[in-house]
Amino acid sequence: MKRSAGLPHARRPTVTRSQEGGLDRLTSREFDVFKLLVCGCHNEEIAKVLVVAESTVKSHVQRLCEKFGVRDRVQLVIYAYEHGLISLGQSAWQKQRSDRGLDAAGRAPAGVLPRE
């Protein structure tokens, strides 16, 4: 498949807290999980970033699904796009990692110490 020149691809979504679409009914921790989830993070990655157990992340994801009336994390992302809760762009989380010189997995290039 050929990509058209100049078209963005693999950009991360940006999440903004809004009363529309139900984000106002999330706890601050659920909102944190939601932001990372829609950026494509797995439960293990979310747990590391938020410094919680992976089982805690799974509980938050389940509660998010219940609150939005969807069955899984894919539908959460679809719901978020359909309700204008996220837009394409680099998320604050991705920007922070990039600013510190880390790759998408949170690793510094070989021989380079990450900036604090």
PDB file of N, CA and C in Angstrom:
ATOM      1  N   MET A   1       0.847  -1.175   0.000  1.00  0.00           N
ATOM      2  CA  MET A   1       0.000   0.000   0.000  1.00  0.00           C
ATOM      3  C   MET A   1       0.886   1.229   0.000  1.00  0.00           C
ATOM      4  N   LYS A   2       0.634   2.127  -0.924  1.00  0.00           N
ATOM      5  CA  LYS A   2       1.447   3.326  -1.060  1.00  0.00           C
ATOM      6  C   LYS A   2       0.824   4.469  -0.278  1.00  0.00           C
ATOM      7  N   ARG A   3       1.661   5.168   0.496  1.00  0.00           N
ATOM      8  CA  ARG A   3       1.180   6.318   1.270  1.00  0.00           C
ATOM      9  C   ARG A   3       1.349   7.576   0.450  1.00  0.00           C
ATOM     10  N   SER A   4       0.381   8.468   0.545  1.00  0.00           N
ATOM     11  CA  SER A   4       0.481   9.753  -0.137  1.00  0.00           C
ATOM     12  C   SER A   4       1.471  10.629   0.598  1.00  0.00           C
ATOM     13  N   ALA A   5       2.304  11.316  -0.138  1.00  0.00           N
ATOM     14  CA  ALA A   5       3.298  12.200   0.472  1.00  0.00           C
ATOM     15  C   ALA A   5       2.607  13.310   1.247  1.00  0.00           C
ATOM     16  N   GLY A   6       3.137  13.609   2.415  1.00  0.00           N
ATOM     17  CA  GLY A   6       2.622  14.719   3.208  1.00  0.00           C
ATOM     18  C   GLY A   6       1.472  14.362   4.137  1.00  0.00           C
ATOM     19  N   LEU A   7       0.909  13.171   4.016  1.00  0.00           N
ATOM     20  CA  LEU A   7      -0.178  12.799   4.904  1.00  0.00           C
ATOM     21  C   LEU A   7       0.386  12.251   6.208  1.00  0.00           C
ATOM     22  N   PRO A   8      -0.138  12.725   7.332  1.00  0.00           N
ATOM     23  CA  PRO A   8       0.375  12.229   8.609  1.00  0.00           C
ATOM     24  C   PRO A   8      -0.069  10.795   8.854  1.00  0.00           C
ATOM     25  N   HIS A   9       0.785  10.030   9.508  1.00  0.00           N
ATOM     26  CA  HIS A   9       0.413   8.679   9.914  1.00  0.00           C
ATOM     27  C   HIS A   9       1.094   8.382  11.238  1.00  0.00           C
ATOM     28  N   ALA A  10       0.502   7.499  12.008  1.00  0.00           N
ATOM     29  CA  ALA A  10       1.019   7.082  13.313  1.00  0.00           C
ATOM     30  C   ALA A  10       1.124   8.246  14.288  1.00  0.00           C
ATOM     31  N   ARG A  11       0.263   9.247  14.143  1.00  0.00           N
ATOM     32  CA  ARG A  11       0.253  10.337  15.117  1.00  0.00           C
ATOM     33  C   ARG A  11      -0.565   9.911  16.312  1.00  0.00           C
ATOM     34  N   ARG A  12      -0.161  10.353  17.477  1.00  0.00           N
ATOM     35  CA  ARG A  12      -0.867  10.000  18.705  1.00  0.00           C
ATOM     36  C   ARG A  12      -1.992  10.988  18.966  1.00  0.00           C
ATOM     37  N   PRO A  13      -3.110  10.506  19.514  1.00  0.00           N
ATOM     38  CA  PRO A  13      -4.230  11.393  19.800  1.00  0.00           C
ATOM     39  C   PRO A  13      -3.973  12.284  21.008  1.00  0.00           C
ATOM     40  N   THR A  14      -4.652  13.409  21.029  1.00  0.00           N
ATOM     41  CA  THR A  14      -4.619  14.318  22.168  1.00  0.00           C
ATOM     42  C   THR A  14      -5.979  14.262  22.837  1.00  0.00           C
ATOM     43  N   VAL A  15      -6.001  14.131  24.156  1.00  0.00           N
ATOM     44  CA  VAL A  15      -7.242  14.029  24.913  1.00  0.00           C
ATOM     45  C   VAL A  15      -7.437  15.311  25.698  1.00  0.00           C
ATOM     46  N   THR A  16      -8.641  15.864  25.605  1.00  0.00           N
ATOM     47  CA  THR A  16      -8.964  17.043  26.408  1.00  0.00           C
ATOM     48  C   THR A  16     -10.162  16.715  27.271  1.00  0.00           C
ATOM     49  N   ARG A  17     -10.116  17.142  28.531  1.00  0.00           N
ATOM     50  CA  ARG A  17     -11.228  16.870  29.447  1.00  0.00           C
ATOM     51  C   ARG A  17     -12.397  17.752  29.024  1.00  0.00           C
ATOM     52  N   SER A  18     -13.553  17.136  28.907  1.00  0.00           N
ATOM     53  CA  SER A  18     -14.733  17.822  28.412  1.00  0.00           C
ATOM     54  C   SER A  18     -15.964  17.266  29.104  1.00  0.00           C
ATOM     55  N   GLN A  19     -16.994  18.099  29.229  1.00  0.00           N
ATOM     56  CA  GLN A  19     -18.256  17.605  29.784  1.00  0.00           C
ATOM     57  C   GLN A  19     -18.999  16.804  28.724  1.00  0.00           C
ATOM     58  N   GLU A  20     -18.741  17.119  27.464  1.00  0.00           N
ATOM     59  CA  GLU A  20     -19.390  16.388  26.386  1.00  0.00           C
ATOM     60  C   GLU A  20     -18.769  14.994  26.283  1.00  0.00           C
ATOM     61  N   GLY A  21     -19.560  14.015  26.060  1.00  0.00           N
ATOM     62  CA  GLY A  21     -19.070  12.663  25.866  1.00  0.00           C
ATOM     63  C   GLY A  21     -18.820  11.885  27.139  1.00  0.00           C
ATOM     64  N   GLY A  22     -18.964  12.512  28.293  1.00  0.00           N
ATOM     65  CA  GLY A  22     -18.880  11.777  29.542  1.00  0.00           C
ATOM     66  C   GLY A  22     -17.565  11.818  30.277  1.00  0.00           C
ATOM     67  N   LEU A  23     -16.582  12.568  29.802  1.00  0.00           N
ATOM     68  CA  LEU A  23     -15.310  12.605  30.522  1.00  0.00           C
ATOM     69  C   LEU A  23     -15.428  13.257  31.887  1.00  0.00           C
ATOM     70  N   ASP A  24     -16.434  14.088  32.078  1.00  0.00           N
ATOM     71  CA  ASP A  24     -16.611  14.764  33.369  1.00  0.00           C
ATOM     72  C   ASP A  24     -17.008  13.792  34.480  1.00  0.00           C
ATOM     73  N   ARG A  25     -17.494  12.604  34.118  1.00  0.00           N
ATOM     74  CA  ARG A  25     -17.901  11.645  35.152  1.00  0.00           C
ATOM     75  C   ARG A  25     -16.787  10.679  35.542  1.00  0.00           C
ATOM     76  N   LEU A  26     -15.586  10.864  34.982  1.00  0.00           N
ATOM     77  CA  LEU A  26     -14.457  10.010  35.314  1.00  0.00           C
ATOM     78  C   LEU A  26     -13.701  10.564  36.512  1.00  0.00           C
ATOM     79  N   THR A  27     -13.167   9.663  37.330  1.00  0.00           N
ATOM     80  CA  THR A  27     -12.267  10.105  38.393  1.00  0.00           C
ATOM     81  C   THR A  27     -10.968  10.556  37.728  1.00  0.00           C
ATOM     82  N   SER A  28     -10.134  11.260  38.464  1.00  0.00           N
ATOM     83  CA  SER A  28      -8.876  11.729  37.881  1.00  0.00           C
ATOM     84  C   SER A  28      -8.000  10.543  37.451  1.00  0.00           C
ATOM     85  N   ARG A  29      -8.012   9.453  38.209  1.00  0.00           N
ATOM     86  CA  ARG A  29      -7.208   8.279  37.846  1.00  0.00           C
ATOM     87  C   ARG A  29      -7.780   7.588  36.620  1.00  0.00           C
ATOM     88  N   GLU A  30      -9.112   7.494  36.524  1.00  0.00           N
ATOM     89  CA  GLU A  30      -9.726   6.918  35.330  1.00  0.00           C
ATOM     90  C   GLU A  30      -9.381   7.756  34.099  1.00  0.00           C
ATOM     91  N   PHE A  31      -9.366   9.069  34.273  1.00  0.00           N
ATOM     92  CA  PHE A  31      -9.011   9.957  33.165  1.00  0.00           C
ATOM     93  C   PHE A  31      -7.562   9.714  32.737  1.00  0.00           C
ATOM     94  N   ASP A  32      -6.655   9.536  33.706  1.00  0.00           N
ATOM     95  CA  ASP A  32      -5.255   9.238  33.390  1.00  0.00           C
ATOM     96  C   ASP A  32      -5.147   7.938  32.600  1.00  0.00           C
ATOM     97  N   VAL A  33      -5.853   6.909  33.040  1.00  0.00           N
ATOM     98  CA  VAL A  33      -5.846   5.625  32.342  1.00  0.00           C
ATOM     99  C   VAL A  33      -6.428   5.786  30.939  1.00  0.00           C
ATOM    100  N   PHE A  34      -7.531   6.517  30.834  1.00  0.00           N
ATOM    101  CA  PHE A  34      -8.180   6.750  29.546  1.00  0.00           C
ATOM    102  C   PHE A  34      -7.215   7.423  28.565  1.00  0.00           C
ATOM    103  N   LYS A  35      -6.516   8.456  29.020  1.00  0.00           N
ATOM    104  CA  LYS A  35      -5.567   9.169  28.145  1.00  0.00           C
ATOM    105  C   LYS A  35      -4.495   8.228  27.617  1.00  0.00           C
ATOM    106  N   LEU A  36      -3.932   7.411  28.483  1.00  0.00           N
ATOM    107  CA  LEU A  36      -2.875   6.495  28.057  1.00  0.00           C
ATOM    108  C   LEU A  36      -3.416   5.387  27.173  1.00  0.00           C
ATOM    109  N   LEU A  37      -4.616   4.901  27.482  1.00  0.00           N
ATOM    110  CA  LEU A  37      -5.244   3.846  26.702  1.00  0.00           C
ATOM    111  C   LEU A  37      -5.481   4.310  25.265  1.00  0.00           C
ATOM    112  N   VAL A  38      -6.015   5.503  25.079  1.00  0.00           N
ATOM    113  CA  VAL A  38      -6.307   5.968  23.723  1.00  0.00           C
ATOM    114  C   VAL A  38      -5.047   6.324  22.951  1.00  0.00           C
ATOM    115  N   CYS A  39      -3.926   6.445  23.649  1.00  0.00           N
ATOM    116  CA  CYS A  39      -2.638   6.656  22.982  1.00  0.00           C
ATOM    117  C   CYS A  39      -2.017   5.336  22.554  1.00  0.00           C
ATOM    118  N   GLY A  40      -2.699   4.225  22.855  1.00  0.00           N
ATOM    119  CA  GLY A  40      -2.237   2.928  22.404  1.00  0.00           C
ATOM    120  C   GLY A  40      -1.406   2.154  23.409  1.00  0.00           C
ATOM    121  N   CYS A  41      -1.375   2.599  24.648  1.00  0.00           N
ATOM    122  CA  CYS A  41      -0.591   1.902  25.671  1.00  0.00           C
ATOM    123  C   CYS A  41      -1.286   0.621  26.122  1.00  0.00           C
ATOM    124  N   HIS A  42      -0.493  -0.390  26.388  1.00  0.00           N
ATOM    125  CA  HIS A  42      -0.987  -1.642  26.957  1.00  0.00           C
ATOM    126  C   HIS A  42      -1.110  -1.477  28.466  1.00  0.00           C
ATOM    127  N   ASN A  43      -1.807  -2.404  29.105  1.00  0.00           N
ATOM    128  CA  ASN A  43      -2.003  -2.334  30.554  1.00  0.00           C
ATOM    129  C   ASN A  43      -0.677  -2.258  31.306  1.00  0.00           C
ATOM    130  N   GLU A  44       0.294  -3.041  30.881  1.00  0.00           N
ATOM    131  CA  GLU A  44       1.598  -3.044  31.558  1.00  0.00           C
ATOM    132  C   GLU A  44       2.266  -1.666  31.474  1.00  0.00           C
ATOM    133  N   GLU A  45       2.184  -1.033  30.296  1.00  0.00           N
ATOM    134  CA  GLU A  45       2.776   0.293  30.125  1.00  0.00           C
ATOM    135  C   GLU A  45       2.055   1.327  30.986  1.00  0.00           C
ATOM    136  N   ILE A  46       0.734   1.248  31.011  1.00  0.00           N
ATOM    137  CA  ILE A  46      -0.048   2.184  31.821  1.00  0.00           C
ATOM    138  C   ILE A  46       0.313   2.013  33.293  1.00  0.00           C
ATOM    139  N   ALA A  47       0.438   0.768  33.735  1.00  0.00           N
ATOM    140  CA  ALA A  47       0.787   0.495  35.131  1.00  0.00           C
ATOM    141  C   ALA A  47       2.137   1.101  35.487  1.00  0.00           C
ATOM    142  N   LYS A  48       3.109   0.998  34.596  1.00  0.00           N
ATOM    143  CA  LYS A  48       4.438   1.570  34.856  1.00  0.00           C
ATOM    144  C   LYS A  48       4.384   3.085  34.948  1.00  0.00           C
ATOM    145  N   VAL A  49       3.669   3.701  34.027  1.00  0.00           N
ATOM    146  CA  VAL A  49       3.589   5.164  34.009  1.00  0.00           C
ATOM    147  C   VAL A  49       2.882   5.687  35.256  1.00  0.00           C
ATOM    148  N   LEU A  50       1.801   5.030  35.654  1.00  0.00           N
ATOM    149  CA  LEU A  50       1.004   5.500  36.790  1.00  0.00           C
ATOM    150  C   LEU A  50       1.460   4.911  38.130  1.00  0.00           C
ATOM    151  N   VAL A  51       2.443   4.034  38.073  1.00  0.00           N
ATOM    152  CA  VAL A  51       3.004   3.392  39.259  1.00  0.00           C
ATOM    153  C   VAL A  51       1.901   2.694  40.074  1.00  0.00           C
ATOM    154  N   VAL A  52       1.200   1.808  39.392  1.00  0.00           N
ATOM    155  CA  VAL A  52       0.167   0.989  40.016  1.00  0.00           C
ATOM    156  C   VAL A  52       0.324  -0.437  39.498  1.00  0.00           C
ATOM    157  N   ALA A  53      -0.385  -1.372  40.116  1.00  0.00           N
ATOM    158  CA  ALA A  53      -0.363  -2.763  39.656  1.00  0.00           C
ATOM    159  C   ALA A  53      -1.146  -2.893  38.355  1.00  0.00           C
ATOM    160  N   GLU A  54      -0.738  -3.845  37.532  1.00  0.00           N
ATOM    161  CA  GLU A  54      -1.444  -4.081  36.275  1.00  0.00           C
ATOM    162  C   GLU A  54      -2.901  -4.463  36.524  1.00  0.00           C
ATOM    163  N   SER A  55      -3.174  -5.179  37.626  1.00  0.00           N
ATOM    164  CA  SER A  55      -4.554  -5.549  37.949  1.00  0.00           C
ATOM    165  C   SER A  55      -5.397  -4.301  38.243  1.00  0.00           C
ATOM    166  N   THR A  56      -4.775  -3.268  38.800  1.00  0.00           N
ATOM    167  CA  THR A  56      -5.481  -2.008  39.052  1.00  0.00           C
ATOM    168  C   THR A  56      -5.857  -1.349  37.731  1.00  0.00           C
ATOM    169  N   VAL A  57      -4.951  -1.388  36.785  1.00  0.00           N
ATOM    170  CA  VAL A  57      -5.236  -0.822  35.453  1.00  0.00           C
ATOM    171  C   VAL A  57      -6.394  -1.578  34.818  1.00  0.00           C
ATOM    172  N   LYS A  58      -6.376  -2.906  34.926  1.00  0.00           N
ATOM    173  CA  LYS A  58      -7.463  -3.713  34.356  1.00  0.00           C
ATOM    174  C   LYS A  58      -8.806  -3.324  34.974  1.00  0.00           C
ATOM    175  N   SER A  59      -8.810  -3.066  36.279  1.00  0.00           N
ATOM    176  CA  SER A  59     -10.047  -2.635  36.945  1.00  0.00           C
ATOM    177  C   SER A  59     -10.515  -1.288  36.410  1.00  0.00           C
ATOM    178  N   HIS A  60      -9.579  -0.375  36.221  1.00  0.00           N
ATOM    179  CA  HIS A  60      -9.938   0.948  35.684  1.00  0.00           C
ATOM    180  C   HIS A  60     -10.488   0.837  34.258  1.00  0.00           C
ATOM    181  N   VAL A  61      -9.847   0.000  33.451  1.00  0.00           N
ATOM    182  CA  VAL A  61     -10.314  -0.187  32.071  1.00  0.00           C
ATOM    183  C   VAL A  61     -11.730  -0.762  32.075  1.00  0.00           C
ATOM    184  N   GLN A  62     -11.990  -1.734  32.958  1.00  0.00           N
ATOM    185  CA  GLN A  62     -13.328  -2.318  33.055  1.00  0.00           C
ATOM    186  C   GLN A  62     -14.362  -1.259  33.454  1.00  0.00           C
ATOM    187  N   ARG A  63     -14.011  -0.420  34.431  1.00  0.00           N
ATOM    188  CA  ARG A  63     -14.937   0.639  34.851  1.00  0.00           C
ATOM    189  C   ARG A  63     -15.166   1.655  33.736  1.00  0.00           C
ATOM    190  N   LEU A  64     -14.112   1.960  32.973  1.00  0.00           N
ATOM    191  CA  LEU A  64     -14.271   2.867  31.831  1.00  0.00           C
ATOM    192  C   LEU A  64     -15.251   2.274  30.822  1.00  0.00           C
ATOM    193  N   CYS A  65     -15.102   1.000  30.538  1.00  0.00           N
ATOM    194  CA  CYS A  65     -16.020   0.334  29.599  1.00  0.00           C
ATOM    195  C   CYS A  65     -17.457   0.413  30.101  1.00  0.00           C
ATOM    196  N   GLU A  66     -17.646   0.173  31.387  1.00  0.00           N
ATOM    197  CA  GLU A  66     -18.995   0.244  31.967  1.00  0.00           C
ATOM    198  C   GLU A  66     -19.561   1.659  31.877  1.00  0.00           C
ATOM    199  N   LYS A  67     -18.749   2.656  32.207  1.00  0.00           N
ATOM    200  CA  LYS A  67     -19.226   4.046  32.198  1.00  0.00           C
ATOM    201  C   LYS A  67     -19.590   4.528  30.796  1.00  0.00           C
ATOM    202  N   PHE A  68     -18.849   4.051  29.785  1.00  0.00           N
ATOM    203  CA  PHE A  68     -19.126   4.482  28.416  1.00  0.00           C
ATOM    204  C   PHE A  68     -20.040   3.522  27.670  1.00  0.00           C
ATOM    205  N   GLY A  69     -20.398   2.399  28.308  1.00  0.00           N
ATOM    206  CA  GLY A  69     -21.314   1.447  27.688  1.00  0.00           C
ATOM    207  C   GLY A  69     -20.719   0.726  26.495  1.00  0.00           C
ATOM    208  N   VAL A  70     -19.437   0.390  26.579  1.00  0.00           N
ATOM    209  CA  VAL A  70     -18.761  -0.343  25.506  1.00  0.00           C
ATOM    210  C   VAL A  70     -18.213  -1.645  26.068  1.00  0.00           C
ATOM    211  N   ARG A  71     -17.800  -2.570  25.173  1.00  0.00           N
ATOM    212  CA  ARG A  71     -17.370  -3.878  25.667  1.00  0.00           C
ATOM    213  C   ARG A  71     -15.865  -4.060  25.794  1.00  0.00           C
ATOM    214  N   ASP A  72     -15.045  -3.222  25.101  1.00  0.00           N
ATOM    215  CA  ASP A  72     -13.598  -3.402  25.202  1.00  0.00           C
ATOM    216  C   ASP A  72     -12.849  -2.108  24.901  1.00  0.00           C
ATOM    217  N   ARG A  73     -11.524  -2.166  25.018  1.00  0.00           N
ATOM    218  CA  ARG A  73     -10.689  -0.970  24.869  1.00  0.00           C
ATOM    219  C   ARG A  73     -10.739  -0.413  23.442  1.00  0.00           C
ATOM    220  N   VAL A  74     -10.910  -1.270  22.452  1.00  0.00           N
ATOM    221  CA  VAL A  74     -11.021  -0.791  21.068  1.00  0.00           C
ATOM    222  C   VAL A  74     -12.262   0.087  20.931  1.00  0.00           C
ATOM    223  N   GLN A  75     -13.363  -0.370  21.499  1.00  0.00           N
ATOM    224  CA  GLN A  75     -14.587   0.427  21.436  1.00  0.00           C
ATOM    225  C   GLN A  75     -14.460   1.722  22.240  1.00  0.00           C
ATOM    226  N   LEU A  76     -13.639   1.713  23.287  1.00  0.00           N
ATOM    227  CA  LEU A  76     -13.387   2.959  24.029  1.00  0.00           C
ATOM    228  C   LEU A  76     -12.745   3.999  23.119  1.00  0.00           C
ATOM    229  N   VAL A  77     -11.766   3.570  22.338  1.00  0.00           N
ATOM    230  CA  VAL A  77     -11.087   4.488  21.422  1.00  0.00           C
ATOM    231  C   VAL A  77     -12.055   4.973  20.342  1.00  0.00           C
ATOM    232  N   ILE A  78     -12.839   4.062  19.801  1.00  0.00           N
ATOM    233  CA  ILE A  78     -13.837   4.444  18.786  1.00  0.00           C
ATOM    234  C   ILE A  78     -14.829   5.446  19.377  1.00  0.00           C
ATOM    235  N   TYR A  79     -15.315   5.169  20.578  1.00  0.00           N
ATOM    236  CA  TYR A  79     -16.241   6.077  21.256  1.00  0.00           C
ATOM    237  C   TYR A  79     -15.613   7.452  21.412  1.00  0.00           C
ATOM    238  N   ALA A  80     -14.363   7.470  21.830  1.00  0.00           N
ATOM    239  CA  ALA A  80     -13.671   8.739  22.054  1.00  0.00           C
ATOM    240  C   ALA A  80     -13.564   9.547  20.763  1.00  0.00           C
ATOM    241  N   TYR A  81     -13.207   8.905  19.655  1.00  0.00           N
ATOM    242  CA  TYR A  81     -13.139   9.606  18.366  1.00  0.00           C
ATOM    243  C   TYR A  81     -14.514  10.079  17.913  1.00  0.00           C
ATOM    244  N   GLU A  82     -15.509   9.203  18.022  1.00  0.00           N
ATOM    245  CA  GLU A  82     -16.851   9.546  17.560  1.00  0.00           C
ATOM    246  C   GLU A  82     -17.472  10.699  18.351  1.00  0.00           C
ATOM    247  N   HIS A  83     -17.089  10.862  19.613  1.00  0.00           N
ATOM    248  CA  HIS A  83     -17.647  11.914  20.450  1.00  0.00           C
ATOM    249  C   HIS A  83     -16.734  13.127  20.582  1.00  0.00           C
ATOM    250  N   GLY A  84     -15.676  13.162  19.779  1.00  0.00           N
ATOM    251  CA  GLY A  84     -14.783  14.315  19.772  1.00  0.00           C
ATOM    252  C   GLY A  84     -13.965  14.470  21.047  1.00  0.00           C
ATOM    253  N   LEU A  85     -13.753  13.373  21.772  1.00  0.00           N
ATOM    254  CA  LEU A  85     -12.995  13.437  23.022  1.00  0.00           C
ATOM    255  C   LEU A  85     -11.492  13.445  22.780  1.00  0.00           C
ATOM    256  N   ILE A  86     -11.089  12.959  21.621  1.00  0.00           N
ATOM    257  CA  ILE A  86      -9.679  12.960  21.263  1.00  0.00           C
ATOM    258  C   ILE A  86      -9.518  13.458  19.843  1.00  0.00           C
ATOM    259  N   SER A  87      -8.358  14.016  19.568  1.00  0.00           N
ATOM    260  CA  SER A  87      -8.036  14.456  18.216  1.00  0.00           C
ATOM    261  C   SER A  87      -6.612  14.035  17.900  1.00  0.00           C
ATOM    262  N   LEU A  88      -6.300  13.893  16.622  1.00  0.00           N
ATOM    263  CA  LEU A  88      -4.964  13.460  16.239  1.00  0.00           C
ATOM    264  C   LEU A  88      -3.927  14.491  16.636  1.00  0.00           C
ATOM    265  N   GLY A  89      -2.784  14.030  17.016  1.00  0.00           N
ATOM    266  CA  GLY A  89      -1.682  14.887  17.420  1.00  0.00           C
ATOM    267  C   GLY A  89      -0.850  14.177  18.456  1.00  0.00           C
ATOM    268  N   GLN A  90       0.219  14.796  18.869  1.00  0.00           N
ATOM    269  CA  GLN A  90       1.087  14.189  19.879  1.00  0.00           C
ATOM    270  C   GLN A  90       0.530  14.482  21.253  1.00  0.00           C
ATOM    271  N   SER A  91       0.359  13.447  22.044  1.00  0.00           N
ATOM    272  CA  SER A  91      -0.167  13.628  23.385  1.00  0.00           C
ATOM    273  C   SER A  91       0.890  14.228  24.294  1.00  0.00           C
ATOM    274  N   ALA A  92       0.455  14.776  25.416  1.00  0.00           N
ATOM    275  CA  ALA A  92       1.386  15.347  26.380  1.00  0.00           C
ATOM    276  C   ALA A  92       2.347  14.280  26.876  1.00  0.00           C
ATOM    277  N   TRP A  93       1.843  13.055  27.044  1.00  0.00           N
ATOM    278  CA  TRP A  93       2.682  11.959  27.509  1.00  0.00           C
ATOM    279  C   TRP A  93       3.779  11.661  26.494  1.00  0.00           C
ATOM    280  N   GLN A  94       3.410  11.584  25.205  1.00  0.00           N
ATOM    281  CA  GLN A  94       4.398  11.325  24.158  1.00  0.00           C
ATOM    282  C   GLN A  94       5.394  12.476  24.056  1.00  0.00           C
ATOM    283  N   LYS A  95       4.906  13.718  24.189  1.00  0.00           N
ATOM    284  CA  LYS A  95       5.789  14.877  24.112  1.00  0.00           C
ATOM    285  C   LYS A  95       6.795  14.851  25.248  1.00  0.00           C
ATOM    286  N   GLN A  96       6.350  14.508  26.448  1.00  0.00           N
ATOM    287  CA  GLN A  96       7.249  14.448  27.601  1.00  0.00           C
ATOM    288  C   GLN A  96       8.344  13.416  27.359  1.00  0.00           C
ATOM    289  N   ARG A  97       7.980  12.255  26.854  1.00  0.00           N
ATOM    290  CA  ARG A  97       8.978  11.214  26.579  1.00  0.00           C
ATOM    291  C   ARG A  97       9.952  11.681  25.510  1.00  0.00           C
ATOM    292  N   SER A  98       9.425  12.311  24.472  1.00  0.00           N
ATOM    293  CA  SER A  98      10.260  12.808  23.385  1.00  0.00           C
ATOM    294  C   SER A  98      11.212  13.897  23.886  1.00  0.00           C
ATOM    295  N   ASP A  99      10.693  14.799  24.714  1.00  0.00           N
ATOM    296  CA  ASP A  99      11.514  15.884  25.261  1.00  0.00           C
ATOM    297  C   ASP A  99      12.643  15.350  26.125  1.00  0.00           C
ATOM    298  N   ARG A 100      12.427  14.185  26.753  1.00  0.00           N
ATOM    299  CA  ARG A 100      13.455  13.582  27.608  1.00  0.00           C
ATOM    300  C   ARG A 100      14.402  12.701  26.816  1.00  0.00           C
ATOM    301  N   GLY A 101      14.202  12.595  25.494  1.00  0.00           N
ATOM    302  CA  GLY A 101      15.085  11.797  24.658  1.00  0.00           C
ATOM    303  C   GLY A 101      14.796  10.308  24.689  1.00  0.00           C
ATOM    304  N   LEU A 102      13.556   9.929  25.016  1.00  0.00           N
ATOM    305  CA  LEU A 102      13.180   8.518  25.106  1.00  0.00           C
ATOM    306  C   LEU A 102      12.424   8.083  23.866  1.00  0.00           C
ATOM    307  N   ASP A 103      12.536   6.805  23.535  1.00  0.00           N
ATOM    308  CA  ASP A 103      11.751   6.287  22.419  1.00  0.00           C
ATOM    309  C   ASP A 103      10.350   5.922  22.914  1.00  0.00           C
ATOM    310  N   ALA A 104       9.534   5.363  22.042  1.00  0.00           N
ATOM    311  CA  ALA A 104       8.146   5.058  22.393  1.00  0.00           C
ATOM    312  C   ALA A 104       8.033   4.051  23.537  1.00  0.00           C
ATOM    313  N   ALA A 105       9.046   3.217  23.721  1.00  0.00           N
ATOM    314  CA  ALA A 105       9.026   2.230  24.802  1.00  0.00           C
ATOM    315  C   ALA A 105       9.639   2.775  26.090  1.00  0.00           C
ATOM    316  N   GLY A 106      10.042   4.045  26.083  1.00  0.00           N
ATOM    317  CA  GLY A 106      10.599   4.653  27.277  1.00  0.00           C
ATOM    318  C   GLY A 106      12.083   4.415  27.468  1.00  0.00           C
ATOM    319  N   ARG A 107      12.771   3.981  26.407  1.00  0.00           N
ATOM    320  CA  ARG A 107      14.201   3.705  26.498  1.00  0.00           C
ATOM    321  C   ARG A 107      14.988   4.839  25.848  1.00  0.00           C
ATOM    322  N   ALA A 108      16.130   5.152  26.435  1.00  0.00           N
ATOM    323  CA  ALA A 108      17.049   6.113  25.839  1.00  0.00           C
ATOM    324  C   ALA A 108      17.879   5.386  24.787  1.00  0.00           C
ATOM    325  N   PRO A 109      18.317   6.084  23.739  1.00  0.00           N
ATOM    326  CA  PRO A 109      19.198   5.444  22.755  1.00  0.00           C
ATOM    327  C   PRO A 109      20.458   4.908  23.438  1.00  0.00           C
ATOM    328  N   ALA A 110      21.055   3.871  22.860  1.00  0.00           N
ATOM    329  CA  ALA A 110      22.241   3.256  23.453  1.00  0.00           C
ATOM    330  C   ALA A 110      23.325   4.298  23.710  1.00  0.00           C
ATOM    331  N   GLY A 111      23.848   4.289  24.928  1.00  0.00           N
ATOM    332  CA  GLY A 111      24.942   5.188  25.290  1.00  0.00           C
ATOM    333  C   GLY A 111      24.510   6.585  25.658  1.00  0.00           C
ATOM    334  N   VAL A 112      23.194   6.840  25.707  1.00  0.00           N
ATOM    335  CA  VAL A 112      22.696   8.174  26.023  1.00  0.00           C
ATOM    336  C   VAL A 112      21.847   8.099  27.285  1.00  0.00           C
ATOM    337  N   LEU A 113      22.108   8.992  28.227  1.00  0.00           N
ATOM    338  CA  LEU A 113      21.291   9.048  29.436  1.00  0.00           C
ATOM    339  C   LEU A 113      20.105   9.958  29.188  1.00  0.00           C
ATOM    340  N   PRO A 114      18.899   9.564  29.638  1.00  0.00           N
ATOM    341  CA  PRO A 114      17.722  10.413  29.423  1.00  0.00           C
ATOM    342  C   PRO A 114      17.838  11.706  30.240  1.00  0.00           C
ATOM    343  N   ARG A 115      17.269  12.778  29.682  1.00  0.00           N
ATOM    344  CA  ARG A 115      17.246  14.071  30.382  1.00  0.00           C
ATOM    345  C   ARG A 115      16.154  14.040  31.428  1.00  0.00           C
ATOM    346  N   GLU A 116      16.387  14.654  32.551  1.00  0.00           N
ATOM    347  CA  GLU A 116      15.387  14.718  33.625  1.00  0.00           C
ATOM    348  C   GLU A 116      14.581  15.958  33.538  1.00  0.00           C
TER     349      GLU A 116
END
